Every structure is written in C-alpha cells, then in structure tokens.
Amino acid sequence: MNMQKLMQEAQKMQMQLQKDQKELEDTIYEGTSSMVTVKMNGKYEIQEVKINNEGEDLSSEDVSMLEDMVMVAMNEAVKKIASDKEKKLGKYGQGLAGLM
C-alpha cells in the first residue's frame, strides 16, 4: 500500500470518527428507576430529571430513597452511553493497532 493511499484512509477514518463522536454526543440516553427518569446526552450532561410522584407526598425518608433512585437511573444512562461508545468507536482502536 502506498503512502498516499494510507494517508487517504487515515483521513477518511478520522472524518468518520468525528462524525460518530458528534452523533454520540447528540444522542439522548434515558435511565429509569421506579419513579425517576433521567435523560442525559452523550457528553454526560443531564438534560432532564422526572420524578413521578403521582398521588403521593414525600417524607424525608422518601427523599432519601428518591435520591438513591436518581443515582441508579443516572448510572444506567451512563452505562448506555459507554456501551454505545464502545460499539461505535471501538472499531477505530482495532484499526489503528494494525498500523503500528
């Protein structure tokens, strides 16, 4: 393979990587836990937190439990982001290993 073709392939791969990164950053991921839903973008920025407190009053004990549920929901969303990143961007790490 000549050097010019190799550079073109590297440039093409870099453009695709940037496109995939942008797509992941713009994707909204949702994590849920019982009464709580958290929406977060691919930059790990929380976009929305919803608490379904339909017909119930929250006591201090409920608030503590609710905080735990928010944490669980947020962690679920983060795991989904990490999984998508591995699926979409992991192929670039494998391709670069062949160039070394």
N, C-alpha and C. Protein backbone atom coordinates (compact mmCIF):
# COMPACT_ATOMS: atom_id res chain seq x y z
N MET A 1 0.86 -1.18 0.00
CA MET A 1 0.00 0.00 0.00
C MET A 1 0.90 1.24 0.00
N ASN A 2 0.63 2.17 -0.92
CA ASN A 2 1.48 3.35 -0.97
C ASN A 2 1.09 4.36 0.11
N MET A 3 1.99 5.28 0.37
CA MET A 3 1.82 6.23 1.46
C MET A 3 0.62 7.16 1.23
N GLN A 4 0.39 7.57 0.00
CA GLN A 4 -0.73 8.47 -0.30
C GLN A 4 -2.06 7.78 0.01
N LYS A 5 -2.18 6.54 -0.39
CA LYS A 5 -3.42 5.79 -0.12
C LYS A 5 -3.59 5.59 1.39
N LEU A 6 -2.52 5.32 2.08
CA LEU A 6 -2.57 5.15 3.53
C LEU A 6 -3.04 6.44 4.21
N MET A 7 -2.54 7.58 3.76
CA MET A 7 -2.94 8.88 4.31
C MET A 7 -4.42 9.16 4.03
N GLN A 8 -4.88 8.80 2.84
CA GLN A 8 -6.28 9.00 2.50
C GLN A 8 -7.18 8.15 3.40
N GLU A 9 -6.77 6.92 3.64
CA GLU A 9 -7.54 6.03 4.52
C GLU A 9 -7.57 6.56 5.95
N ALA A 10 -6.44 7.08 6.41
CA ALA A 10 -6.37 7.64 7.76
C ALA A 10 -7.27 8.87 7.88
N GLN A 11 -7.27 9.70 6.85
CA GLN A 11 -8.10 10.90 6.84
C GLN A 11 -9.59 10.51 6.82
N LYS A 12 -9.92 9.52 6.02
CA LYS A 12 -11.30 9.03 5.95
C LYS A 12 -11.74 8.49 7.31
N MET A 13 -10.86 7.73 7.95
CA MET A 13 -11.17 7.17 9.26
C MET A 13 -11.36 8.29 10.30
N GLN A 14 -10.53 9.32 10.24
CA GLN A 14 -10.63 10.43 11.17
C GLN A 14 -11.96 11.17 10.99
N MET A 15 -12.38 11.37 9.76
CA MET A 15 -13.65 12.05 9.48
C MET A 15 -14.82 11.22 10.01
N GLN A 16 -14.77 9.91 9.81
CA GLN A 16 -15.82 9.04 10.30
C GLN A 16 -15.85 9.03 11.83
N LEU A 17 -14.69 9.03 12.45
CA LEU A 17 -14.59 9.08 13.90
C LEU A 17 -15.23 10.35 14.44
N GLN A 18 -14.94 11.48 13.82
CA GLN A 18 -15.53 12.75 14.25
C GLN A 18 -17.05 12.73 14.08
N LYS A 19 -17.51 12.17 12.99
CA LYS A 19 -18.95 12.07 12.74
C LYS A 19 -19.62 11.21 13.81
N ASP A 20 -19.00 10.05 14.11
CA ASP A 20 -19.56 9.15 15.12
C ASP A 20 -19.55 9.78 16.50
N GLN A 21 -18.47 10.51 16.84
CA GLN A 21 -18.41 11.18 18.13
C GLN A 21 -19.52 12.23 18.25
N LYS A 22 -19.74 13.00 17.21
CA LYS A 22 -20.79 14.03 17.22
C LYS A 22 -22.16 13.38 17.38
N GLU A 23 -22.38 12.27 16.67
CA GLU A 23 -23.65 11.56 16.76
C GLU A 23 -23.90 11.07 18.19
N LEU A 24 -22.85 10.52 18.81
CA LEU A 24 -22.99 10.06 20.19
C LEU A 24 -23.27 11.21 21.15
N GLU A 25 -22.58 12.33 20.96
CA GLU A 25 -22.79 13.48 21.83
C GLU A 25 -24.20 14.04 21.71
N ASP A 26 -24.79 13.96 20.53
CA ASP A 26 -26.13 14.49 20.30
C ASP A 26 -27.25 13.53 20.69
N THR A 27 -26.92 12.28 20.93
CA THR A 27 -27.92 11.28 21.29
C THR A 27 -28.37 11.49 22.73
N ILE A 28 -29.67 11.36 22.97
CA ILE A 28 -30.21 11.45 24.33
C ILE A 28 -30.42 10.04 24.85
N TYR A 29 -29.84 9.77 26.01
CA TYR A 29 -29.94 8.46 26.66
C TYR A 29 -30.87 8.61 27.86
N GLU A 30 -31.65 7.57 28.12
CA GLU A 30 -32.61 7.62 29.21
C GLU A 30 -32.35 6.47 30.18
N GLY A 31 -32.29 6.82 31.45
CA GLY A 31 -32.17 5.82 32.51
C GLY A 31 -33.38 5.94 33.42
N THR A 32 -33.91 4.80 33.85
CA THR A 32 -35.08 4.82 34.71
C THR A 32 -34.88 3.93 35.93
N SER A 33 -35.53 4.34 37.01
CA SER A 33 -35.52 3.57 38.25
C SER A 33 -36.80 3.90 38.99
N SER A 34 -37.75 3.02 38.95
CA SER A 34 -39.01 3.18 39.68
C SER A 34 -39.69 4.50 39.32
N MET A 35 -39.68 5.48 40.21
CA MET A 35 -40.41 6.74 40.00
C MET A 35 -39.56 7.81 39.30
N VAL A 36 -38.33 7.49 38.95
CA VAL A 36 -37.40 8.50 38.44
C VAL A 36 -36.96 8.17 37.02
N THR A 37 -36.92 9.19 36.18
CA THR A 37 -36.38 9.08 34.83
C THR A 37 -35.36 10.20 34.64
N VAL A 38 -34.18 9.84 34.13
CA VAL A 38 -33.13 10.81 33.86
C VAL A 38 -32.79 10.74 32.38
N LYS A 39 -32.70 11.92 31.75
CA LYS A 39 -32.25 11.99 30.35
C LYS A 39 -30.94 12.75 30.32
N MET A 40 -29.98 12.18 29.58
CA MET A 40 -28.62 12.71 29.53
C MET A 40 -28.12 12.60 28.10
N ASN A 41 -27.32 13.58 27.68
CA ASN A 41 -26.75 13.48 26.33
C ASN A 41 -25.43 12.72 26.38
N GLY A 42 -24.86 12.49 25.22
CA GLY A 42 -23.63 11.71 25.12
C GLY A 42 -22.40 12.42 25.65
N LYS A 43 -22.56 13.65 26.11
CA LYS A 43 -21.47 14.37 26.77
C LYS A 43 -21.63 14.28 28.28
N TYR A 44 -22.49 13.35 28.72
CA TYR A 44 -22.76 13.11 30.14
C TYR A 44 -23.40 14.32 30.82
N GLU A 45 -24.14 15.12 30.07
CA GLU A 45 -24.85 16.27 30.63
C GLU A 45 -26.31 15.88 30.82
N ILE A 46 -26.80 16.00 32.05
CA ILE A 46 -28.18 15.65 32.34
C ILE A 46 -29.08 16.69 31.69
N GLN A 47 -30.01 16.22 30.89
CA GLN A 47 -30.93 17.10 30.19
C GLN A 47 -32.26 17.24 30.91
N GLU A 48 -32.65 16.19 31.64
CA GLU A 48 -33.97 16.21 32.28
C GLU A 48 -34.02 15.16 33.39
N VAL A 49 -34.66 15.51 34.50
CA VAL A 49 -34.94 14.57 35.57
C VAL A 49 -36.44 14.66 35.84
N LYS A 50 -37.11 13.54 35.79
CA LYS A 50 -38.55 13.48 36.05
C LYS A 50 -38.80 12.57 37.24
N ILE A 51 -39.59 13.06 38.20
CA ILE A 51 -39.98 12.27 39.35
C ILE A 51 -41.49 12.08 39.29
N ASN A 52 -41.91 10.83 39.20
CA ASN A 52 -43.33 10.52 39.13
C ASN A 52 -43.83 10.33 40.56
N ASN A 53 -44.37 11.40 41.11
CA ASN A 53 -44.87 11.39 42.49
C ASN A 53 -46.40 11.44 42.48
N GLU A 54 -46.96 10.72 41.58
CA GLU A 54 -48.40 10.75 41.34
C GLU A 54 -49.17 10.32 42.59
N GLY A 55 -49.90 11.27 43.18
CA GLY A 55 -50.78 10.98 44.30
C GLY A 55 -50.08 10.66 45.60
N GLU A 56 -48.79 11.00 45.74
CA GLU A 56 -48.07 10.69 46.97
C GLU A 56 -47.35 11.92 47.48
N ASP A 57 -47.27 12.04 48.81
CA ASP A 57 -46.47 13.09 49.44
C ASP A 57 -45.15 12.49 49.87
N LEU A 58 -44.09 13.24 49.71
CA LEU A 58 -42.77 12.72 50.04
C LEU A 58 -42.36 13.12 51.45
N SER A 59 -41.99 12.15 52.27
CA SER A 59 -41.43 12.41 53.60
C SER A 59 -39.91 12.49 53.46
N SER A 60 -39.22 12.77 54.56
CA SER A 60 -37.75 12.83 54.50
C SER A 60 -37.17 11.47 54.17
N GLU A 61 -37.81 10.41 54.64
CA GLU A 61 -37.35 9.06 54.28
C GLU A 61 -37.53 8.82 52.78
N ASP A 62 -38.65 9.31 52.26
CA ASP A 62 -38.90 9.17 50.82
C ASP A 62 -37.85 9.92 50.01
N VAL A 63 -37.46 11.09 50.50
CA VAL A 63 -36.47 11.90 49.78
C VAL A 63 -35.15 11.13 49.70
N SER A 64 -34.74 10.52 50.80
CA SER A 64 -33.51 9.75 50.80
C SER A 64 -33.58 8.60 49.80
N MET A 65 -34.70 7.90 49.81
CA MET A 65 -34.88 6.79 48.87
C MET A 65 -34.90 7.32 47.43
N LEU A 66 -35.54 8.46 47.23
CA LEU A 66 -35.62 9.07 45.91
C LEU A 66 -34.23 9.45 45.40
N GLU A 67 -33.39 9.94 46.29
CA GLU A 67 -32.02 10.28 45.89
C GLU A 67 -31.30 9.03 45.40
N ASP A 68 -31.49 7.93 46.08
CA ASP A 68 -30.88 6.67 45.64
C ASP A 68 -31.40 6.25 44.27
N MET A 69 -32.70 6.43 44.06
CA MET A 69 -33.28 6.04 42.77
C MET A 69 -32.76 6.93 41.64
N VAL A 70 -32.55 8.22 41.93
CA VAL A 70 -31.99 9.12 40.92
C VAL A 70 -30.58 8.67 40.56
N MET A 71 -29.81 8.29 41.56
CA MET A 71 -28.45 7.83 41.31
C MET A 71 -28.45 6.57 40.44
N VAL A 72 -29.33 5.63 40.74
CA VAL A 72 -29.42 4.40 39.95
C VAL A 72 -29.79 4.73 38.50
N ALA A 73 -30.76 5.61 38.31
CA ALA A 73 -31.19 5.98 36.96
C ALA A 73 -30.07 6.66 36.19
N MET A 74 -29.34 7.55 36.86
CA MET A 74 -28.23 8.25 36.20
C MET A 74 -27.14 7.26 35.81
N ASN A 75 -26.82 6.35 36.68
CA ASN A 75 -25.79 5.35 36.36
C ASN A 75 -26.22 4.46 35.21
N GLU A 76 -27.50 4.15 35.11
CA GLU A 76 -28.00 3.34 33.99
C GLU A 76 -27.79 4.09 32.67
N ALA A 77 -28.08 5.39 32.68
CA ALA A 77 -27.89 6.19 31.47
C ALA A 77 -26.42 6.24 31.07
N VAL A 78 -25.53 6.40 32.06
CA VAL A 78 -24.09 6.45 31.79
C VAL A 78 -23.61 5.12 31.20
N LYS A 79 -24.11 4.01 31.70
CA LYS A 79 -23.72 2.70 31.16
C LYS A 79 -24.15 2.56 29.71
N LYS A 80 -25.32 3.09 29.37
CA LYS A 80 -25.79 3.02 27.98
C LYS A 80 -24.90 3.85 27.07
N ILE A 81 -24.45 5.01 27.54
CA ILE A 81 -23.54 5.85 26.75
C ILE A 81 -22.24 5.10 26.51
N ALA A 82 -21.68 4.54 27.58
CA ALA A 82 -20.40 3.82 27.46
C ALA A 82 -20.52 2.64 26.50
N SER A 83 -21.64 1.93 26.55
CA SER A 83 -21.86 0.79 25.66
C SER A 83 -21.90 1.24 24.21
N ASP A 84 -22.64 2.32 23.92
CA ASP A 84 -22.73 2.83 22.55
C ASP A 84 -21.37 3.31 22.06
N LYS A 85 -20.61 3.99 22.93
CA LYS A 85 -19.29 4.47 22.53
C LYS A 85 -18.38 3.31 22.18
N GLU A 86 -18.43 2.26 22.98
CA GLU A 86 -17.59 1.09 22.70
C GLU A 86 -17.98 0.46 21.36
N LYS A 87 -19.29 0.36 21.11
CA LYS A 87 -19.75 -0.24 19.85
C LYS A 87 -19.32 0.59 18.65
N LYS A 88 -19.47 1.92 18.75
CA LYS A 88 -19.21 2.77 17.59
C LYS A 88 -17.74 3.15 17.44
N LEU A 89 -17.05 3.35 18.54
CA LEU A 89 -15.69 3.87 18.44
C LEU A 89 -14.63 2.80 18.67
N GLY A 90 -15.00 1.65 19.20
CA GLY A 90 -14.04 0.58 19.43
C GLY A 90 -13.37 0.09 18.17
N LYS A 91 -14.08 0.15 17.06
CA LYS A 91 -13.51 -0.32 15.79
C LYS A 91 -12.31 0.52 15.37
N TYR A 92 -12.25 1.79 15.81
CA TYR A 92 -11.13 2.63 15.43
C TYR A 92 -9.86 2.22 16.16
N GLY A 93 -10.00 1.81 17.39
CA GLY A 93 -8.84 1.33 18.14
C GLY A 93 -8.27 0.07 17.51
N GLN A 94 -9.13 -0.81 17.04
CA GLN A 94 -8.68 -2.04 16.39
C GLN A 94 -7.98 -1.73 15.08
N GLY A 95 -8.51 -0.77 14.33
CA GLY A 95 -7.91 -0.41 13.05
C GLY A 95 -6.56 0.25 13.21
N LEU A 96 -6.41 1.05 14.25
CA LEU A 96 -5.14 1.73 14.48
C LEU A 96 -4.05 0.74 14.92
N ALA A 97 -4.44 -0.31 15.59
CA ALA A 97 -3.46 -1.30 16.04
C ALA A 97 -2.76 -1.94 14.84
N GLY A 98 -3.46 -2.09 13.73
CA GLY A 98 -2.88 -2.67 12.54
C GLY A 98 -1.88 -1.76 11.85
N LEU A 99 -1.93 -0.48 12.14
CA LEU A 99 -0.99 0.47 11.51
C LEU A 99 0.34 0.53 12.25
N MET A 100 0.39 -0.01 13.47
CA MET A 100 1.61 0.10 14.27
C MET A 100 2.48 -1.10 14.11
